[in-house]
Amino acid sequence: MDKDENILDLVRRNEENYISGDTTISKYVDFSLSENIAKIDAYINSKHISGKEDSMGREKPFFNIVTAAINIWYRATDIDRKDIKVKATKTSNIFTSFLATVLLQNWMRRANFGAFLNDWGRTLARYGSAVVKFIESDGKLHSMVIPWNRLIVDQIDFNNDVVIEVLELSVSDLRNRKGYDKDVVNELIQAATARETLDKSKKDNNDSFIRLYEVHGEMPLSWLTDKDKDRDTYVQQMQVVSYLPSKEKGKYNNYCLARGKEEKNPYMITHLIKEDGRTQSIGAVENLF
């Protein structure tokens, strides 16, 4: 990481590398995580990656063979709330483990953990890996599965770089976000343009959605303190930022909406079977490529 780099430079560099870069797994094998995710999403939605029409202008049919495979993989690996129990390692702790299981089951029911497990298992079946996020808010633990098309991560090792989650918020949602700098929010809303996908193509003509980047990882302390003496000290932190093209060519207007230290990274990656040399494992869809 360049000492003169700032958080927005890091975001733009990682985003560009994620979209256009790939990695060499072996002599004959190259891998692009963003391209792989896009291909999986296309097949799930019965779309050809080579276009809708053939060379004679006729619409090409799509015989979807991935949905059945996803369902089979999902049923074979599905975990329900009832399968999660606290097990005693000593005979003297059997009753304690029983009480702990009752409390755990009650919490999972209140937290709607069953829905999380279903989402998690479905994502594992589709993509081979799932990124989950745990955050504490108002004294409660919230668990969620983050869609792959909202993530910018290292292609080789998930824990090797910062995790960037792409957020697209409506103006009202952005204004109501707790912990965001209200002055920066108002400034960004006034300058924002139409929302875009990761490859910069517009999703729709609605310009009321604003693109943010929520960044988590070990970064220079100076990005929090704005002091040069802290450049060589790295701490776990979270930053919510955004940027828009400036009128001056090659320049950007940068916005920092929130930042602060955190105890640990809220993201965790899980796999059906971990693959060497790549962040994402192989799921039901890629298995049929």
C-alpha atoms as a PDB file:
ATOM      1  CA  MET A   1       0.000   0.000   0.000  1.00  0.00           C
ATOM      2  CA  ASP A   2       1.456   3.373  -1.052  1.00  0.00           C
ATOM      3  CA  LYS A   3       2.042   5.698   1.904  1.00  0.00           C
ATOM      4  CA  ASP A   4       0.630   8.617  -0.090  1.00  0.00           C
ATOM      5  CA  GLU A   5      -2.502   6.647  -0.973  1.00  0.00           C
ATOM      6  CA  ASN A   6      -5.801   7.511   0.686  1.00  0.00           C
ATOM      7  CA  ILE A   7      -8.909   5.431   1.291  1.00  0.00           C
ATOM      8  CA  LEU A   8     -10.546   6.486  -1.990  1.00  0.00           C
ATOM      9  CA  ASP A   9      -7.384   5.624  -3.957  1.00  0.00           C
ATOM     10  CA  LEU A  10      -7.506   2.177  -2.368  1.00  0.00           C
ATOM     11  CA  VAL A  11     -11.178   1.716  -3.266  1.00  0.00           C
ATOM     12  CA  ARG A  12     -10.702   2.782  -6.889  1.00  0.00           C
ATOM     13  CA  ARG A  13      -7.607   0.593  -7.312  1.00  0.00           C
ATOM     14  CA  ASN A  14      -9.243  -2.479  -5.785  1.00  0.00           C
ATOM     15  CA  GLU A  15     -12.411  -1.947  -7.802  1.00  0.00           C
ATOM     16  CA  GLU A  16     -10.463  -1.676 -11.059  1.00  0.00           C
ATOM     17  CA  ASN A  17      -8.334  -4.737 -10.264  1.00  0.00           C
ATOM     18  CA  TYR A  18     -11.406  -6.731  -9.284  1.00  0.00           C
ATOM     19  CA  ILE A  19     -13.299  -5.906 -12.485  1.00  0.00           C
ATOM     20  CA  SER A  20     -10.538  -6.179 -15.057  1.00  0.00           C
ATOM     21  CA  GLY A  21      -7.863  -8.286 -13.357  1.00  0.00           C
ATOM     22  CA  ASP A  22      -7.431 -12.038 -13.082  1.00  0.00           C
ATOM     23  CA  THR A  23      -5.042 -14.398 -11.374  1.00  0.00           C
ATOM     24  CA  THR A  24      -3.010 -17.356 -12.635  1.00  0.00           C
ATOM     25  CA  ILE A  25      -3.703 -20.508 -10.658  1.00  0.00           C
ATOM     26  CA  SER A  26      -1.407 -22.681 -12.753  1.00  0.00           C
ATOM     27  CA  LYS A  27       0.221 -22.686 -16.199  1.00  0.00           C
ATOM     28  CA  TYR A  28      -3.039 -23.371 -18.044  1.00  0.00           C
ATOM     29  CA  VAL A  29      -5.544 -21.996 -15.562  1.00  0.00           C
ATOM     30  CA  ASP A  30      -6.459 -18.310 -15.167  1.00  0.00           C
ATOM     31  CA  PHE A  31      -9.233 -17.167 -12.863  1.00  0.00           C
ATOM     32  CA  SER A  32     -11.289 -13.973 -12.685  1.00  0.00           C
ATOM     33  CA  LEU A  33     -13.588 -13.789  -9.670  1.00  0.00           C
ATOM     34  CA  SER A  34     -15.795 -11.005 -11.058  1.00  0.00           C
ATOM     35  CA  GLU A  35     -16.179 -12.782 -14.412  1.00  0.00           C
ATOM     36  CA  ASN A  36     -16.934 -16.065 -12.654  1.00  0.00           C
ATOM     37  CA  ILE A  37     -19.647 -14.463 -10.497  1.00  0.00           C
ATOM     38  CA  ALA A  38     -21.180 -12.740 -13.546  1.00  0.00           C
ATOM     39  CA  LYS A  39     -21.250 -16.014 -15.472  1.00  0.00           C
ATOM     40  CA  ILE A  40     -22.885 -17.875 -12.577  1.00  0.00           C
ATOM     41  CA  ASP A  41     -25.530 -15.149 -12.220  1.00  0.00           C
ATOM     42  CA  ALA A  42     -26.215 -15.282 -15.973  1.00  0.00           C
ATOM     43  CA  TYR A  43     -26.767 -19.044 -15.968  1.00  0.00           C
ATOM     44  CA  ILE A  44     -28.963 -18.928 -12.867  1.00  0.00           C
ATOM     45  CA  ASN A  45     -31.155 -16.393 -14.674  1.00  0.00           C
ATOM     46  CA  SER A  46     -31.178 -18.372 -17.955  1.00  0.00           C
ATOM     47  CA  LYS A  47     -29.060 -15.863 -19.864  1.00  0.00           C
ATOM     48  CA  HIS A  48     -26.398 -16.582 -22.486  1.00  0.00           C
ATOM     49  CA  ILE A  49     -23.091 -14.785 -21.933  1.00  0.00           C
ATOM     50  CA  SER A  50     -22.592 -14.713 -25.719  1.00  0.00           C
ATOM     51  CA  GLY A  51     -25.714 -12.638 -26.410  1.00  0.00           C
ATOM     52  CA  LYS A  52     -29.431 -13.208 -26.925  1.00  0.00           C
ATOM     53  CA  GLU A  53     -29.280 -13.915 -30.680  1.00  0.00           C
ATOM     54  CA  ASP A  54     -27.265 -16.224 -32.931  1.00  0.00           C
ATOM     55  CA  SER A  55     -25.318 -15.211 -36.055  1.00  0.00           C
ATOM     56  CA  MET A  56     -28.543 -15.154 -38.090  1.00  0.00           C
ATOM     57  CA  GLY A  57     -30.369 -12.848 -35.673  1.00  0.00           C
ATOM     58  CA  ARG A  58     -32.552 -15.574 -34.172  1.00  0.00           C
ATOM     59  CA  GLU A  59     -33.207 -15.629 -30.429  1.00  0.00           C
ATOM     60  CA  LYS A  60     -31.243 -18.422 -28.797  1.00  0.00           C
ATOM     61  CA  PRO A  61     -33.117 -20.732 -26.413  1.00  0.00           C
ATOM     62  CA  PHE A  62     -31.570 -21.400 -23.016  1.00  0.00           C
ATOM     63  CA  PHE A  63     -31.919 -24.855 -21.520  1.00  0.00           C
ATOM     64  CA  ASN A  64     -31.415 -24.228 -17.825  1.00  0.00           C
ATOM     65  CA  ILE A  65     -29.659 -27.214 -16.278  1.00  0.00           C
ATOM     66  CA  VAL A  66     -28.254 -25.400 -13.248  1.00  0.00           C
ATOM     67  CA  THR A  67     -31.435 -24.911 -11.211  1.00  0.00           C
ATOM     68  CA  ALA A  68     -31.940 -28.637 -10.590  1.00  0.00           C
ATOM     69  CA  ALA A  69     -28.287 -29.054  -9.625  1.00  0.00           C
ATOM     70  CA  ILE A  70     -28.508 -26.132  -7.184  1.00  0.00           C
ATOM     71  CA  ASN A  71     -31.561 -27.676  -5.515  1.00  0.00           C
ATOM     72  CA  ILE A  72     -29.828 -31.049  -5.151  1.00  0.00           C
ATOM     73  CA  TRP A  73     -26.661 -29.507  -3.718  1.00  0.00           C
ATOM     74  CA  TYR A  74     -28.741 -27.359  -1.372  1.00  0.00           C
ATOM     75  CA  ARG A  75     -30.787 -30.282  -0.021  1.00  0.00           C
ATOM     76  CA  ALA A  76     -27.622 -32.368   0.435  1.00  0.00           C
ATOM     77  CA  THR A  77     -25.895 -29.691   2.537  1.00  0.00           C
ATOM     78  CA  ASP A  78     -28.858 -27.976   4.224  1.00  0.00           C
ATOM     79  CA  ILE A  79     -28.568 -27.194   7.943  1.00  0.00           C
ATOM     80  CA  ASP A  80     -31.624 -26.397  10.094  1.00  0.00           C
ATOM     81  CA  ARG A  81     -31.847 -24.775  13.506  1.00  0.00           C
ATOM     82  CA  LYS A  82     -32.612 -28.117  15.107  1.00  0.00           C
ATOM     83  CA  ASP A  83     -29.253 -29.449  13.901  1.00  0.00           C
ATOM     84  CA  ILE A  84     -27.324 -26.876  15.958  1.00  0.00           C
ATOM     85  CA  LYS A  85     -26.746 -28.011  19.536  1.00  0.00           C
ATOM     86  CA  VAL A  86     -24.287 -27.473  22.367  1.00  0.00           C
ATOM     87  CA  LYS A  87     -22.562 -30.769  23.098  1.00  0.00           C
ATOM     88  CA  ALA A  88     -20.909 -31.576  26.423  1.00  0.00           C
ATOM     89  CA  THR A  89     -17.367 -32.987  26.390  1.00  0.00           C
ATOM     90  CA  LYS A  90     -17.665 -34.151  30.011  1.00  0.00           C
ATOM     91  CA  THR A  91     -20.445 -36.108  31.677  1.00  0.00           C
ATOM     92  CA  SER A  92     -20.674 -33.500  34.439  1.00  0.00           C
ATOM     93  CA  ASN A  93     -21.586 -30.837  31.867  1.00  0.00           C
ATOM     94  CA  ILE A  94     -24.501 -32.647  30.194  1.00  0.00           C
ATOM     95  CA  PHE A  95     -27.202 -30.684  32.024  1.00  0.00           C
ATOM     96  CA  THR A  96     -25.391 -27.383  31.421  1.00  0.00           C
ATOM     97  CA  SER A  97     -25.109 -28.162  27.721  1.00  0.00           C
ATOM     98  CA  PHE A  98     -28.839 -28.960  27.625  1.00  0.00           C
ATOM     99  CA  LEU A  99     -29.682 -25.550  29.135  1.00  0.00           C
ATOM    100  CA  ALA A 100     -27.241 -23.852  26.734  1.00  0.00           C
ATOM    101  CA  THR A 101     -28.948 -25.571  23.788  1.00  0.00           C
ATOM    102  CA  VAL A 102     -32.368 -24.371  24.962  1.00  0.00           C
ATOM    103  CA  LEU A 103     -31.101 -20.790  25.257  1.00  0.00           C
ATOM    104  CA  LEU A 104     -29.384 -21.054  21.865  1.00  0.00           C
ATOM    105  CA  GLN A 105     -32.550 -22.363  20.198  1.00  0.00           C
ATOM    106  CA  ASN A 106     -34.585 -19.537  21.752  1.00  0.00           C
ATOM    107  CA  TRP A 107     -32.114 -16.948  20.464  1.00  0.00           C
ATOM    108  CA  MET A 108     -32.082 -18.436  16.966  1.00  0.00           C
ATOM    109  CA  ARG A 109     -35.875 -18.333  16.877  1.00  0.00           C
ATOM    110  CA  ARG A 110     -36.015 -14.695  17.994  1.00  0.00           C
ATOM    111  CA  ALA A 111     -33.233 -13.680  15.589  1.00  0.00           C
ATOM    112  CA  ASN A 112     -34.885 -15.475  12.650  1.00  0.00           C
ATOM    113  CA  PHE A 113     -31.682 -17.483  12.307  1.00  0.00           C
ATOM    114  CA  GLY A 114     -33.457 -20.144  10.284  1.00  0.00           C
ATOM    115  CA  ALA A 115     -33.925 -17.704   7.405  1.00  0.00           C
ATOM    116  CA  PHE A 116     -30.227 -16.855   7.595  1.00  0.00           C
ATOM    117  CA  LEU A 117     -29.298 -20.546   7.418  1.00  0.00           C
ATOM    118  CA  ASN A 118     -31.519 -21.019   4.358  1.00  0.00           C
ATOM    119  CA  ASP A 119     -29.946 -18.038   2.599  1.00  0.00           C
ATOM    120  CA  TRP A 120     -26.478 -19.206   3.575  1.00  0.00           C
ATOM    121  CA  GLY A 121     -27.046 -22.767   2.337  1.00  0.00           C
ATOM    122  CA  ARG A 122     -28.556 -21.550  -0.939  1.00  0.00           C
ATOM    123  CA  THR A 123     -25.566 -19.288  -1.586  1.00  0.00           C
ATOM    124  CA  LEU A 124     -23.114 -22.081  -0.796  1.00  0.00           C
ATOM    125  CA  ALA A 125     -24.880 -24.378  -3.265  1.00  0.00           C
ATOM    126  CA  ARG A 126     -24.880 -21.734  -6.007  1.00  0.00           C
ATOM    127  CA  TYR A 127     -21.394 -20.281  -5.641  1.00  0.00           C
ATOM    128  CA  GLY A 128     -19.460 -22.820  -3.548  1.00  0.00           C
ATOM    129  CA  SER A 129     -18.660 -20.107  -0.993  1.00  0.00           C
ATOM    130  CA  ALA A 130     -20.667 -17.583   1.000  1.00  0.00           C
ATOM    131  CA  VAL A 131     -19.589 -14.379   2.724  1.00  0.00           C
ATOM    132  CA  VAL A 132     -21.474 -13.751   5.961  1.00  0.00           C
ATOM    133  CA  LYS A 133     -21.557 -10.602   8.066  1.00  0.00           C
ATOM    134  CA  PHE A 134     -22.218 -10.294  11.794  1.00  0.00           C
ATOM    135  CA  ILE A 135     -22.939  -6.894  13.297  1.00  0.00           C
ATOM    136  CA  GLU A 136     -24.215  -5.838  16.704  1.00  0.00           C
ATOM    137  CA  SER A 137     -26.849  -3.128  16.785  1.00  0.00           C
ATOM    138  CA  ASP A 138     -29.044  -1.980  19.667  1.00  0.00           C
ATOM    139  CA  GLY A 139     -27.706  -4.813  21.809  1.00  0.00           C
ATOM    140  CA  LYS A 140     -28.665  -7.483  19.262  1.00  0.00           C
ATOM    141  CA  LEU A 141     -26.516  -9.628  16.985  1.00  0.00           C
ATOM    142  CA  HIS A 142     -27.567  -9.508  13.326  1.00  0.00           C
ATOM    143  CA  SER A 143     -26.373 -12.092  10.805  1.00  0.00           C
ATOM    144  CA  MET A 144     -26.678 -11.799   7.035  1.00  0.00           C
ATOM    145  CA  VAL A 145     -25.320 -13.265   3.814  1.00  0.00           C
ATOM    146  CA  ILE A 146     -23.765 -10.640   1.537  1.00  0.00           C
ATOM    147  CA  PRO A 147     -24.473 -11.180  -2.196  1.00  0.00           C
ATOM    148  CA  TRP A 148     -21.314 -11.813  -4.201  1.00  0.00           C
ATOM    149  CA  ASN A 149     -22.198  -9.075  -6.697  1.00  0.00           C
ATOM    150  CA  ARG A 150     -21.932  -6.506  -3.890  1.00  0.00           C
ATOM    151  CA  LEU A 151     -18.403  -7.463  -2.841  1.00  0.00           C
ATOM    152  CA  ILE A 152     -14.925  -6.419  -3.906  1.00  0.00           C
ATOM    153  CA  VAL A 153     -12.377  -8.792  -2.361  1.00  0.00           C
ATOM    154  CA  ASP A 154      -8.974 -10.305  -3.043  1.00  0.00           C
ATOM    155  CA  GLN A 155      -9.291 -13.040  -5.679  1.00  0.00           C
ATOM    156  CA  ILE A 156      -6.727 -15.371  -4.127  1.00  0.00           C
ATOM    157  CA  ASP A 157      -7.158 -15.021  -0.367  1.00  0.00           C
ATOM    158  CA  PHE A 158     -10.224 -13.430   1.217  1.00  0.00           C
ATOM    159  CA  ASN A 159      -8.280 -12.378   4.314  1.00  0.00           C
ATOM    160  CA  ASN A 160      -5.350 -10.956   2.332  1.00  0.00           C
ATOM    161  CA  ASP A 161      -6.890  -7.513   1.732  1.00  0.00           C
ATOM    162  CA  VAL A 162      -9.673  -5.223   2.851  1.00  0.00           C
ATOM    163  CA  VAL A 163     -13.287  -6.236   2.234  1.00  0.00           C
ATOM    164  CA  ILE A 164     -15.333  -3.690   0.290  1.00  0.00           C
ATOM    165  CA  GLU A 165     -19.117  -3.932   0.282  1.00  0.00           C
ATOM    166  CA  VAL A 166     -20.897  -1.888  -2.368  1.00  0.00           C
ATOM    167  CA  LEU A 167     -24.043  -0.170  -1.087  1.00  0.00           C
ATOM    168  CA  GLU A 168     -26.714   1.480  -3.216  1.00  0.00           C
ATOM    169  CA  LEU A 169     -28.998   3.578  -1.081  1.00  0.00           C
ATOM    170  CA  SER A 170     -31.952   5.749  -1.893  1.00  0.00           C
ATOM    171  CA  VAL A 171     -31.769   9.370  -0.811  1.00  0.00           C
ATOM    172  CA  SER A 172     -34.169   8.740   2.080  1.00  0.00           C
ATOM    173  CA  ASP A 173     -32.234   5.652   3.243  1.00  0.00           C
ATOM    174  CA  LEU A 174     -28.980   7.576   3.112  1.00  0.00           C
ATOM    175  CA  ARG A 175     -30.395  10.473   5.107  1.00  0.00           C
ATOM    176  CA  ASN A 176     -31.691   8.075   7.780  1.00  0.00           C
ATOM    177  CA  ARG A 177     -28.451   6.111   8.206  1.00  0.00           C
ATOM    178  CA  LYS A 178     -27.177   6.340  11.760  1.00  0.00           C
ATOM    179  CA  GLY A 179     -23.576   7.374  12.293  1.00  0.00           C
ATOM    180  CA  TYR A 180     -23.102   9.091   8.932  1.00  0.00           C
ATOM    181  CA  ASP A 181     -21.828  12.675   8.764  1.00  0.00           C
ATOM    182  CA  LYS A 182     -24.967  14.666   7.898  1.00  0.00           C
ATOM    183  CA  ASP A 183     -23.075  17.491   6.201  1.00  0.00           C
ATOM    184  CA  VAL A 184     -21.197  15.073   3.932  1.00  0.00           C
ATOM    185  CA  VAL A 185     -24.431  13.186   3.231  1.00  0.00           C
ATOM    186  CA  ASN A 186     -26.165  16.358   2.062  1.00  0.00           C
ATOM    187  CA  GLU A 187     -23.173  17.319  -0.067  1.00  0.00           C
ATOM    188  CA  LEU A 188     -23.053  13.880  -1.697  1.00  0.00           C
ATOM    189  CA  ILE A 189     -26.791  13.785  -2.397  1.00  0.00           C
ATOM    190  CA  GLN A 190     -26.604  17.073  -4.238  1.00  0.00           C
ATOM    191  CA  ALA A 191     -23.729  15.894  -6.421  1.00  0.00           C
ATOM    192  CA  ALA A 192     -24.708  12.256  -6.972  1.00  0.00           C
ATOM    193  CA  THR A 193     -25.477  10.787 -10.393  1.00  0.00           C
ATOM    194  CA  ALA A 194     -27.380   7.692 -11.559  1.00  0.00           C
ATOM    195  CA  ARG A 195     -26.503   4.454  -9.794  1.00  0.00           C
ATOM    196  CA  GLU A 196     -24.348   1.987 -11.673  1.00  0.00           C
ATOM    197  CA  THR A 197     -23.325  -1.651 -11.529  1.00  0.00           C
ATOM    198  CA  LEU A 198     -19.745  -2.697 -10.769  1.00  0.00           C
ATOM    199  CA  ASP A 199     -18.868  -2.582 -14.496  1.00  0.00           C
ATOM    200  CA  LYS A 200     -20.186   1.016 -14.657  1.00  0.00           C
ATOM    201  CA  SER A 201     -23.275   0.270 -16.786  1.00  0.00           C
ATOM    202  CA  LYS A 202     -26.495   1.898 -15.563  1.00  0.00           C
ATOM    203  CA  LYS A 203     -29.022  -0.354 -13.883  1.00  0.00           C
ATOM    204  CA  ASP A 204     -31.904   1.971 -14.633  1.00  0.00           C
ATOM    205  CA  ASN A 205     -32.762   5.592 -15.251  1.00  0.00           C
ATOM    206  CA  ASN A 206     -33.484   6.283 -11.602  1.00  0.00           C
ATOM    207  CA  ASP A 207     -30.974   8.814 -10.300  1.00  0.00           C
ATOM    208  CA  SER A 208     -32.182   8.647  -6.719  1.00  0.00           C
ATOM    209  CA  PHE A 209     -29.805   5.820  -5.720  1.00  0.00           C
ATOM    210  CA  ILE A 210     -26.320   6.640  -4.511  1.00  0.00           C
ATOM    211  CA  ARG A 211     -23.334   4.316  -4.605  1.00  0.00           C
ATOM    212  CA  LEU A 212     -21.268   3.918  -1.424  1.00  0.00           C
ATOM    213  CA  TYR A 213     -18.337   1.726  -0.443  1.00  0.00           C
ATOM    214  CA  GLU A 214     -18.198   0.232   3.047  1.00  0.00           C
ATOM    215  CA  VAL A 215     -14.576  -0.748   3.660  1.00  0.00           C
ATOM    216  CA  HIS A 216     -13.364  -3.007   6.486  1.00  0.00           C
ATOM    217  CA  GLY A 217      -9.815  -4.109   7.222  1.00  0.00           C
ATOM    218  CA  GLU A 218      -6.418  -3.146   8.595  1.00  0.00           C
ATOM    219  CA  MET A 219      -5.532   0.289   7.212  1.00  0.00           C
ATOM    220  CA  PRO A 220      -3.213   3.140   8.219  1.00  0.00           C
ATOM    221  CA  LEU A 221      -4.181   4.857  11.447  1.00  0.00           C
ATOM    222  CA  SER A 222      -3.521   8.171   9.698  1.00  0.00           C
ATOM    223  CA  TRP A 223      -6.699   7.604   7.684  1.00  0.00           C
ATOM    224  CA  LEU A 224      -8.546   8.088  10.959  1.00  0.00           C
ATOM    225  CA  THR A 225      -6.395  10.686  12.677  1.00  0.00           C
ATOM    226  CA  ASP A 226      -5.227  12.653   9.604  1.00  0.00           C
ATOM    227  CA  LYS A 227      -1.726  12.749  11.174  1.00  0.00           C
ATOM    228  CA  ASP A 228       1.389  11.872   9.146  1.00  0.00           C
ATOM    229  CA  LYS A 229       3.064  10.244  12.163  1.00  0.00           C
ATOM    230  CA  ASP A 230       0.393   7.488  12.128  1.00  0.00           C
ATOM    231  CA  ARG A 231       1.041   6.380   8.533  1.00  0.00           C
ATOM    232  CA  ASP A 232       3.061   3.303   9.526  1.00  0.00           C
ATOM    233  CA  THR A 233       0.591   2.134  12.187  1.00  0.00           C
ATOM    234  CA  TYR A 234      -2.155  -0.164  10.932  1.00  0.00           C
ATOM    235  CA  VAL A 235      -5.393  -0.770  12.819  1.00  0.00           C
ATOM    236  CA  GLN A 236      -8.652  -2.575  12.119  1.00  0.00           C
ATOM    237  CA  GLN A 237     -11.129   0.040  10.980  1.00  0.00           C
ATOM    238  CA  MET A 238     -14.310   0.729   9.023  1.00  0.00           C
ATOM    239  CA  GLN A 239     -14.865   3.536   6.522  1.00  0.00           C
ATOM    240  CA  VAL A 240     -17.911   4.417   4.437  1.00  0.00           C
ATOM    241  CA  VAL A 241     -16.895   6.456   1.395  1.00  0.00           C
ATOM    242  CA  SER A 242     -18.056   7.522  -2.029  1.00  0.00           C
ATOM    243  CA  TYR A 243     -16.597   9.355  -4.997  1.00  0.00           C
ATOM    244  CA  LEU A 244     -17.844  11.128  -8.100  1.00  0.00           C
ATOM    245  CA  PRO A 245     -15.977  12.274 -11.214  1.00  0.00           C
ATOM    246  CA  SER A 246     -14.740  15.846 -11.048  1.00  0.00           C
ATOM    247  CA  LYS A 247     -15.057  18.399 -13.821  1.00  0.00           C
ATOM    248  CA  GLU A 248     -11.276  18.192 -14.090  1.00  0.00           C
ATOM    249  CA  LYS A 249     -10.320  15.188 -16.217  1.00  0.00           C
ATOM    250  CA  GLY A 250      -8.898  12.274 -14.230  1.00  0.00           C
ATOM    251  CA  LYS A 251      -9.866  13.819 -10.892  1.00  0.00           C
ATOM    252  CA  TYR A 252     -12.553  12.845  -8.402  1.00  0.00           C
ATOM    253  CA  ASN A 253     -14.587  14.426  -5.647  1.00  0.00           C
ATOM    254  CA  ASN A 254     -14.165  12.263  -2.545  1.00  0.00           C
ATOM    255  CA  TYR A 255     -16.649  11.868   0.293  1.00  0.00           C
ATOM    256  CA  CYS A 256     -16.101  10.179   3.672  1.00  0.00           C
ATOM    257  CA  LEU A 257     -19.407   9.561   5.413  1.00  0.00           C
ATOM    258  CA  ALA A 258     -18.238   7.532   8.409  1.00  0.00           C
ATOM    259  CA  ARG A 259     -15.049   6.080   9.841  1.00  0.00           C
ATOM    260  CA  GLY A 260     -13.776   4.555  13.056  1.00  0.00           C
ATOM    261  CA  LYS A 261     -11.872   1.716  14.711  1.00  0.00           C
ATOM    262  CA  GLU A 262     -13.483  -1.697  15.172  1.00  0.00           C
ATOM    263  CA  GLU A 263     -12.533  -4.717  17.236  1.00  0.00           C
ATOM    264  CA  LYS A 264     -12.592  -7.210  14.363  1.00  0.00           C
ATOM    265  CA  ASN A 265     -13.666  -7.686  10.785  1.00  0.00           C
ATOM    266  CA  PRO A 266     -17.440  -8.373  10.667  1.00  0.00           C
ATOM    267  CA  TYR A 267     -17.102 -10.523   7.524  1.00  0.00           C
ATOM    268  CA  MET A 268     -16.316 -14.208   7.357  1.00  0.00           C
ATOM    269  CA  ILE A 269     -16.078 -16.474   4.320  1.00  0.00           C
ATOM    270  CA  THR A 270     -17.351 -20.059   4.385  1.00  0.00           C
ATOM    271  CA  HIS A 271     -16.905 -22.837   1.815  1.00  0.00           C
ATOM    272  CA  LEU A 272     -18.401 -26.150   0.872  1.00  0.00           C
ATOM    273  CA  ILE A 273     -14.896 -27.358  -0.037  1.00  0.00           C
ATOM    274  CA  LYS A 274     -12.055 -24.816  -0.033  1.00  0.00           C
ATOM    275  CA  GLU A 275     -10.124 -24.479  -3.287  1.00  0.00           C
ATOM    276  CA  ASP A 276      -6.399 -23.712  -3.375  1.00  0.00           C
ATOM    277  CA  GLY A 277      -5.300 -20.542  -5.123  1.00  0.00           C
ATOM    278  CA  ARG A 278      -8.681 -18.806  -5.244  1.00  0.00           C
ATOM    279  CA  THR A 279     -11.068 -17.105  -2.831  1.00  0.00           C
ATOM    280  CA  GLN A 280     -14.244 -18.677  -4.219  1.00  0.00           C
ATOM    281  CA  SER A 281     -14.839 -22.407  -4.148  1.00  0.00           C
ATOM    282  CA  ILE A 282     -16.706 -24.360  -6.839  1.00  0.00           C
ATOM    283  CA  GLY A 283     -20.475 -24.604  -6.495  1.00  0.00           C
ATOM    284  CA  ALA A 284     -23.220 -26.370  -8.411  1.00  0.00           C
ATOM    285  CA  VAL A 285     -23.309 -23.887 -11.297  1.00  0.00           C
ATOM    286  CA  GLU A 286     -19.578 -23.660 -11.955  1.00  0.00           C
ATOM    287  CA  ASN A 287     -19.379 -27.435 -11.668  1.00  0.00           C
ATOM    288  CA  LEU A 288     -21.520 -27.572 -14.842  1.00  0.00           C
ATOM    289  CA  PHE A 289     -19.434 -25.071 -16.829  1.00  0.00           C
END
